[in-house]
Amino acid sequence: MLFLALVMIPFYYISKTHSVPGYLQLRYGNSARILSAVSFGLMTVFMSGINMYSMALVMKVMLGWDIHVSIWVSSVTVALVCRAGRIAQRHLQ
């Protein structure tokens, strides 16, 4: 966070952009921005899968459940937490 505050935010301000994809678009064109967005989306999906698998492994070790049951329980838990966040967000608006 300190790096972002001291280095990146002034850099974005000077470049008149708000993000890395915006800077990539200014510097290299729209195709670089699209590539950045697609790679970020893929990374997010892969990291979500890795995190959910890690949660399932912890439940398997701690509770002694089968890995498939643990994966399903972690998937349902994440889905419920996401749903609860969306419901709370609607009520706050």
N, C-alpha and C. Protein backbone atom coordinates (compact mmCIF):
# COMPACT_ATOMS: atom_id res chain seq x y z
N MET A 1 0.82 -1.19 0.00
CA MET A 1 0.00 0.00 0.00
C MET A 1 0.87 1.26 0.00
N LEU A 2 1.94 1.22 0.73
CA LEU A 2 2.83 2.37 0.76
C LEU A 2 3.45 2.61 -0.61
N PHE A 3 3.83 1.52 -1.29
CA PHE A 3 4.36 1.64 -2.65
C PHE A 3 3.34 2.28 -3.58
N LEU A 4 2.08 1.84 -3.47
CA LEU A 4 1.04 2.43 -4.32
C LEU A 4 0.88 3.91 -4.04
N ALA A 5 0.87 4.27 -2.75
CA ALA A 5 0.66 5.67 -2.40
C ALA A 5 1.82 6.56 -2.83
N LEU A 6 3.03 6.07 -2.69
CA LEU A 6 4.19 6.92 -2.97
C LEU A 6 4.65 6.89 -4.42
N VAL A 7 4.43 5.79 -5.11
CA VAL A 7 4.98 5.65 -6.46
C VAL A 7 3.88 5.62 -7.52
N MET A 8 2.92 4.72 -7.36
CA MET A 8 1.97 4.49 -8.45
C MET A 8 0.92 5.60 -8.58
N ILE A 9 0.39 6.09 -7.49
CA ILE A 9 -0.66 7.11 -7.59
C ILE A 9 -0.13 8.39 -8.24
N PRO A 10 1.07 8.90 -7.84
CA PRO A 10 1.59 10.05 -8.59
C PRO A 10 1.84 9.73 -10.07
N PHE A 11 2.29 8.52 -10.35
CA PHE A 11 2.53 8.11 -11.74
C PHE A 11 1.22 8.12 -12.53
N TYR A 12 0.15 7.58 -11.94
CA TYR A 12 -1.15 7.60 -12.60
C TYR A 12 -1.64 9.04 -12.79
N TYR A 13 -1.42 9.87 -11.80
CA TYR A 13 -1.86 11.26 -11.88
C TYR A 13 -1.15 11.99 -13.03
N ILE A 14 0.14 11.77 -13.14
CA ILE A 14 0.91 12.40 -14.23
C ILE A 14 0.47 11.86 -15.58
N SER A 15 0.17 10.55 -15.65
CA SER A 15 -0.25 9.92 -16.91
C SER A 15 -1.70 10.21 -17.26
N LYS A 16 -2.44 10.82 -16.34
CA LYS A 16 -3.87 11.10 -16.51
C LYS A 16 -4.68 9.82 -16.77
N THR A 17 -4.39 8.80 -15.97
CA THR A 17 -5.12 7.54 -16.03
C THR A 17 -5.39 7.07 -14.60
N HIS A 18 -6.20 6.04 -14.45
CA HIS A 18 -6.60 5.59 -13.11
C HIS A 18 -6.15 4.19 -12.77
N SER A 19 -5.60 3.45 -13.73
CA SER A 19 -5.28 2.05 -13.47
C SER A 19 -4.19 1.57 -14.42
N VAL A 20 -3.68 0.38 -14.13
CA VAL A 20 -2.68 -0.23 -15.01
C VAL A 20 -3.27 -0.49 -16.40
N PRO A 21 -4.48 -1.08 -16.51
CA PRO A 21 -5.03 -1.25 -17.87
C PRO A 21 -5.20 0.07 -18.62
N GLY A 22 -5.58 1.12 -17.90
CA GLY A 22 -5.70 2.43 -18.54
C GLY A 22 -4.37 2.94 -19.05
N TYR A 23 -3.31 2.74 -18.25
CA TYR A 23 -1.98 3.14 -18.70
C TYR A 23 -1.53 2.30 -19.89
N LEU A 24 -1.81 0.99 -19.85
CA LEU A 24 -1.43 0.14 -20.97
C LEU A 24 -2.13 0.58 -22.26
N GLN A 25 -3.37 1.00 -22.11
CA GLN A 25 -4.10 1.48 -23.29
C GLN A 25 -3.47 2.76 -23.83
N LEU A 26 -3.09 3.67 -22.95
CA LEU A 26 -2.45 4.90 -23.40
C LEU A 26 -1.11 4.63 -24.06
N ARG A 27 -0.34 3.72 -23.48
CA ARG A 27 1.04 3.49 -23.94
C ARG A 27 1.10 2.57 -25.16
N TYR A 28 0.31 1.46 -25.13
CA TYR A 28 0.45 0.42 -26.15
C TYR A 28 -0.79 0.19 -27.01
N GLY A 29 -1.91 0.80 -26.65
CA GLY A 29 -3.12 0.64 -27.45
C GLY A 29 -4.16 -0.23 -26.76
N ASN A 30 -5.30 -0.34 -27.40
CA ASN A 30 -6.44 -1.05 -26.82
C ASN A 30 -6.20 -2.55 -26.69
N SER A 31 -5.42 -3.14 -27.60
CA SER A 31 -5.19 -4.59 -27.52
C SER A 31 -4.41 -4.96 -26.25
N ALA A 32 -3.50 -4.10 -25.80
CA ALA A 32 -2.77 -4.38 -24.55
C ALA A 32 -3.72 -4.32 -23.36
N ARG A 33 -4.67 -3.37 -23.38
CA ARG A 33 -5.65 -3.27 -22.30
C ARG A 33 -6.53 -4.51 -22.26
N ILE A 34 -6.95 -4.98 -23.42
CA ILE A 34 -7.80 -6.17 -23.49
C ILE A 34 -7.04 -7.40 -23.00
N LEU A 35 -5.78 -7.54 -23.42
CA LEU A 35 -4.96 -8.66 -22.95
C LEU A 35 -4.79 -8.61 -21.44
N SER A 36 -4.59 -7.43 -20.90
CA SER A 36 -4.46 -7.26 -19.45
C SER A 36 -5.75 -7.67 -18.74
N ALA A 37 -6.89 -7.26 -19.27
CA ALA A 37 -8.17 -7.59 -18.66
C ALA A 37 -8.44 -9.09 -18.70
N VAL A 38 -8.14 -9.72 -19.83
CA VAL A 38 -8.38 -11.17 -19.96
C VAL A 38 -7.45 -11.94 -19.02
N SER A 39 -6.18 -11.56 -18.97
CA SER A 39 -5.25 -12.27 -18.09
C SER A 39 -5.61 -12.06 -16.63
N PHE A 40 -6.08 -10.86 -16.25
CA PHE A 40 -6.53 -10.63 -14.88
C PHE A 40 -7.75 -11.48 -14.56
N GLY A 41 -8.68 -11.59 -15.50
CA GLY A 41 -9.86 -12.42 -15.28
C GLY A 41 -9.49 -13.89 -15.10
N LEU A 42 -8.59 -14.40 -15.94
CA LEU A 42 -8.15 -15.79 -15.79
C LEU A 42 -7.43 -16.02 -14.47
N MET A 43 -6.58 -15.08 -14.10
CA MET A 43 -5.87 -15.20 -12.83
C MET A 43 -6.84 -15.22 -11.65
N THR A 44 -7.88 -14.40 -11.72
CA THR A 44 -8.87 -14.36 -10.65
C THR A 44 -9.61 -15.69 -10.54
N VAL A 45 -10.00 -16.26 -11.67
CA VAL A 45 -10.70 -17.55 -11.66
C VAL A 45 -9.80 -18.65 -11.11
N PHE A 46 -8.53 -18.69 -11.56
CA PHE A 46 -7.61 -19.72 -11.07
C PHE A 46 -7.33 -19.56 -9.58
N MET A 47 -7.15 -18.33 -9.12
CA MET A 47 -6.89 -18.10 -7.70
C MET A 47 -8.10 -18.46 -6.85
N SER A 48 -9.29 -18.22 -7.36
CA SER A 48 -10.50 -18.62 -6.63
C SER A 48 -10.55 -20.12 -6.47
N GLY A 49 -10.23 -20.85 -7.53
CA GLY A 49 -10.20 -22.30 -7.46
C GLY A 49 -9.16 -22.81 -6.48
N ILE A 50 -7.98 -22.20 -6.50
CA ILE A 50 -6.91 -22.61 -5.58
C ILE A 50 -7.32 -22.33 -4.14
N ASN A 51 -7.91 -21.17 -3.89
CA ASN A 51 -8.34 -20.84 -2.53
C ASN A 51 -9.44 -21.78 -2.03
N MET A 52 -10.38 -22.11 -2.90
CA MET A 52 -11.45 -23.03 -2.48
C MET A 52 -10.91 -24.43 -2.25
N TYR A 53 -9.95 -24.88 -3.06
CA TYR A 53 -9.34 -26.18 -2.85
C TYR A 53 -8.56 -26.19 -1.54
N SER A 54 -7.87 -25.09 -1.24
CA SER A 54 -7.14 -24.99 0.02
C SER A 54 -8.10 -25.07 1.21
N MET A 55 -9.23 -24.39 1.10
CA MET A 55 -10.25 -24.46 2.16
C MET A 55 -10.75 -25.90 2.32
N ALA A 56 -10.93 -26.60 1.22
CA ALA A 56 -11.39 -28.00 1.28
C ALA A 56 -10.33 -28.89 1.92
N LEU A 57 -9.06 -28.65 1.62
CA LEU A 57 -8.00 -29.44 2.24
C LEU A 57 -7.95 -29.22 3.76
N VAL A 58 -8.13 -27.99 4.18
CA VAL A 58 -8.15 -27.71 5.62
C VAL A 58 -9.31 -28.44 6.28
N MET A 59 -10.48 -28.42 5.65
CA MET A 59 -11.63 -29.14 6.22
C MET A 59 -11.38 -30.64 6.22
N LYS A 60 -10.73 -31.15 5.20
CA LYS A 60 -10.42 -32.58 5.14
C LYS A 60 -9.51 -32.97 6.30
N VAL A 61 -8.47 -32.17 6.53
CA VAL A 61 -7.52 -32.48 7.59
C VAL A 61 -8.14 -32.29 8.97
N MET A 62 -8.84 -31.18 9.16
CA MET A 62 -9.38 -30.85 10.48
C MET A 62 -10.59 -31.70 10.85
N LEU A 63 -11.46 -31.97 9.86
CA LEU A 63 -12.70 -32.67 10.15
C LEU A 63 -12.69 -34.12 9.71
N GLY A 64 -11.71 -34.50 8.89
CA GLY A 64 -11.63 -35.88 8.44
C GLY A 64 -12.62 -36.23 7.34
N TRP A 65 -13.16 -35.23 6.66
CA TRP A 65 -14.14 -35.47 5.61
C TRP A 65 -13.43 -35.90 4.33
N ASP A 66 -14.18 -36.54 3.44
CA ASP A 66 -13.69 -36.86 2.10
C ASP A 66 -13.44 -35.56 1.36
N ILE A 67 -12.44 -35.56 0.50
CA ILE A 67 -12.06 -34.33 -0.21
C ILE A 67 -13.19 -33.81 -1.09
N HIS A 68 -13.96 -34.71 -1.68
CA HIS A 68 -15.07 -34.28 -2.55
C HIS A 68 -16.17 -33.59 -1.75
N VAL A 69 -16.47 -34.13 -0.57
CA VAL A 69 -17.46 -33.49 0.31
C VAL A 69 -16.93 -32.14 0.76
N SER A 70 -15.65 -32.07 1.08
CA SER A 70 -15.06 -30.81 1.51
C SER A 70 -15.10 -29.76 0.41
N ILE A 71 -14.86 -30.17 -0.83
CA ILE A 71 -14.93 -29.23 -1.95
C ILE A 71 -16.34 -28.70 -2.12
N TRP A 72 -17.34 -29.58 -2.03
CA TRP A 72 -18.72 -29.13 -2.15
C TRP A 72 -19.12 -28.20 -1.02
N VAL A 73 -18.71 -28.54 0.20
CA VAL A 73 -19.05 -27.68 1.34
C VAL A 73 -18.37 -26.32 1.20
N SER A 74 -17.11 -26.30 0.78
CA SER A 74 -16.43 -25.01 0.61
C SER A 74 -17.07 -24.21 -0.52
N SER A 75 -17.48 -24.86 -1.59
CA SER A 75 -18.15 -24.17 -2.70
C SER A 75 -19.46 -23.55 -2.27
N VAL A 76 -20.26 -24.31 -1.54
CA VAL A 76 -21.54 -23.80 -1.06
C VAL A 76 -21.32 -22.66 -0.06
N THR A 77 -20.32 -22.80 0.80
CA THR A 77 -20.02 -21.75 1.77
C THR A 77 -19.64 -20.45 1.08
N VAL A 78 -18.77 -20.53 0.09
CA VAL A 78 -18.35 -19.33 -0.65
C VAL A 78 -19.55 -18.73 -1.38
N ALA A 79 -20.39 -19.56 -1.98
CA ALA A 79 -21.57 -19.05 -2.69
C ALA A 79 -22.52 -18.34 -1.73
N LEU A 80 -22.72 -18.91 -0.54
CA LEU A 80 -23.61 -18.27 0.44
C LEU A 80 -23.05 -16.96 0.95
N VAL A 81 -21.76 -16.90 1.18
CA VAL A 81 -21.14 -15.65 1.64
C VAL A 81 -21.26 -14.58 0.55
N CYS A 82 -21.03 -14.95 -0.70
CA CYS A 82 -21.17 -13.99 -1.80
C CYS A 82 -22.62 -13.51 -1.91
N ARG A 83 -23.54 -14.42 -1.77
CA ARG A 83 -24.97 -14.06 -1.83
C ARG A 83 -25.35 -13.13 -0.68
N ALA A 84 -24.86 -13.43 0.51
CA ALA A 84 -25.16 -12.58 1.66
C ALA A 84 -24.58 -11.18 1.46
N GLY A 85 -23.41 -11.09 0.86
CA GLY A 85 -22.82 -9.79 0.58
C GLY A 85 -23.64 -8.99 -0.41
N ARG A 86 -24.18 -9.66 -1.43
CA ARG A 86 -25.03 -8.97 -2.41
C ARG A 86 -26.32 -8.49 -1.76
N ILE A 87 -26.91 -9.30 -0.90
CA ILE A 87 -28.14 -8.90 -0.21
C ILE A 87 -27.87 -7.70 0.70
N ALA A 88 -26.77 -7.75 1.44
CA ALA A 88 -26.43 -6.62 2.32
C ALA A 88 -26.17 -5.37 1.53
N GLN A 89 -25.53 -5.49 0.38
CA GLN A 89 -25.24 -4.32 -0.44
C GLN A 89 -26.53 -3.67 -0.95
N ARG A 90 -27.50 -4.49 -1.31
CA ARG A 90 -28.78 -3.94 -1.79
C ARG A 90 -29.49 -3.17 -0.69
N HIS A 91 -29.40 -3.66 0.54
CA HIS A 91 -30.09 -3.00 1.64
C HIS A 91 -29.40 -1.69 2.06
N LEU A 92 -28.12 -1.57 1.76
CA LEU A 92 -27.39 -0.36 2.12
C LEU A 92 -27.58 0.77 1.12
N GLN A 93 -28.07 0.44 -0.06
CA GLN A 93 -28.24 1.48 -1.09
C GLN A 93 -29.49 2.26 -0.91
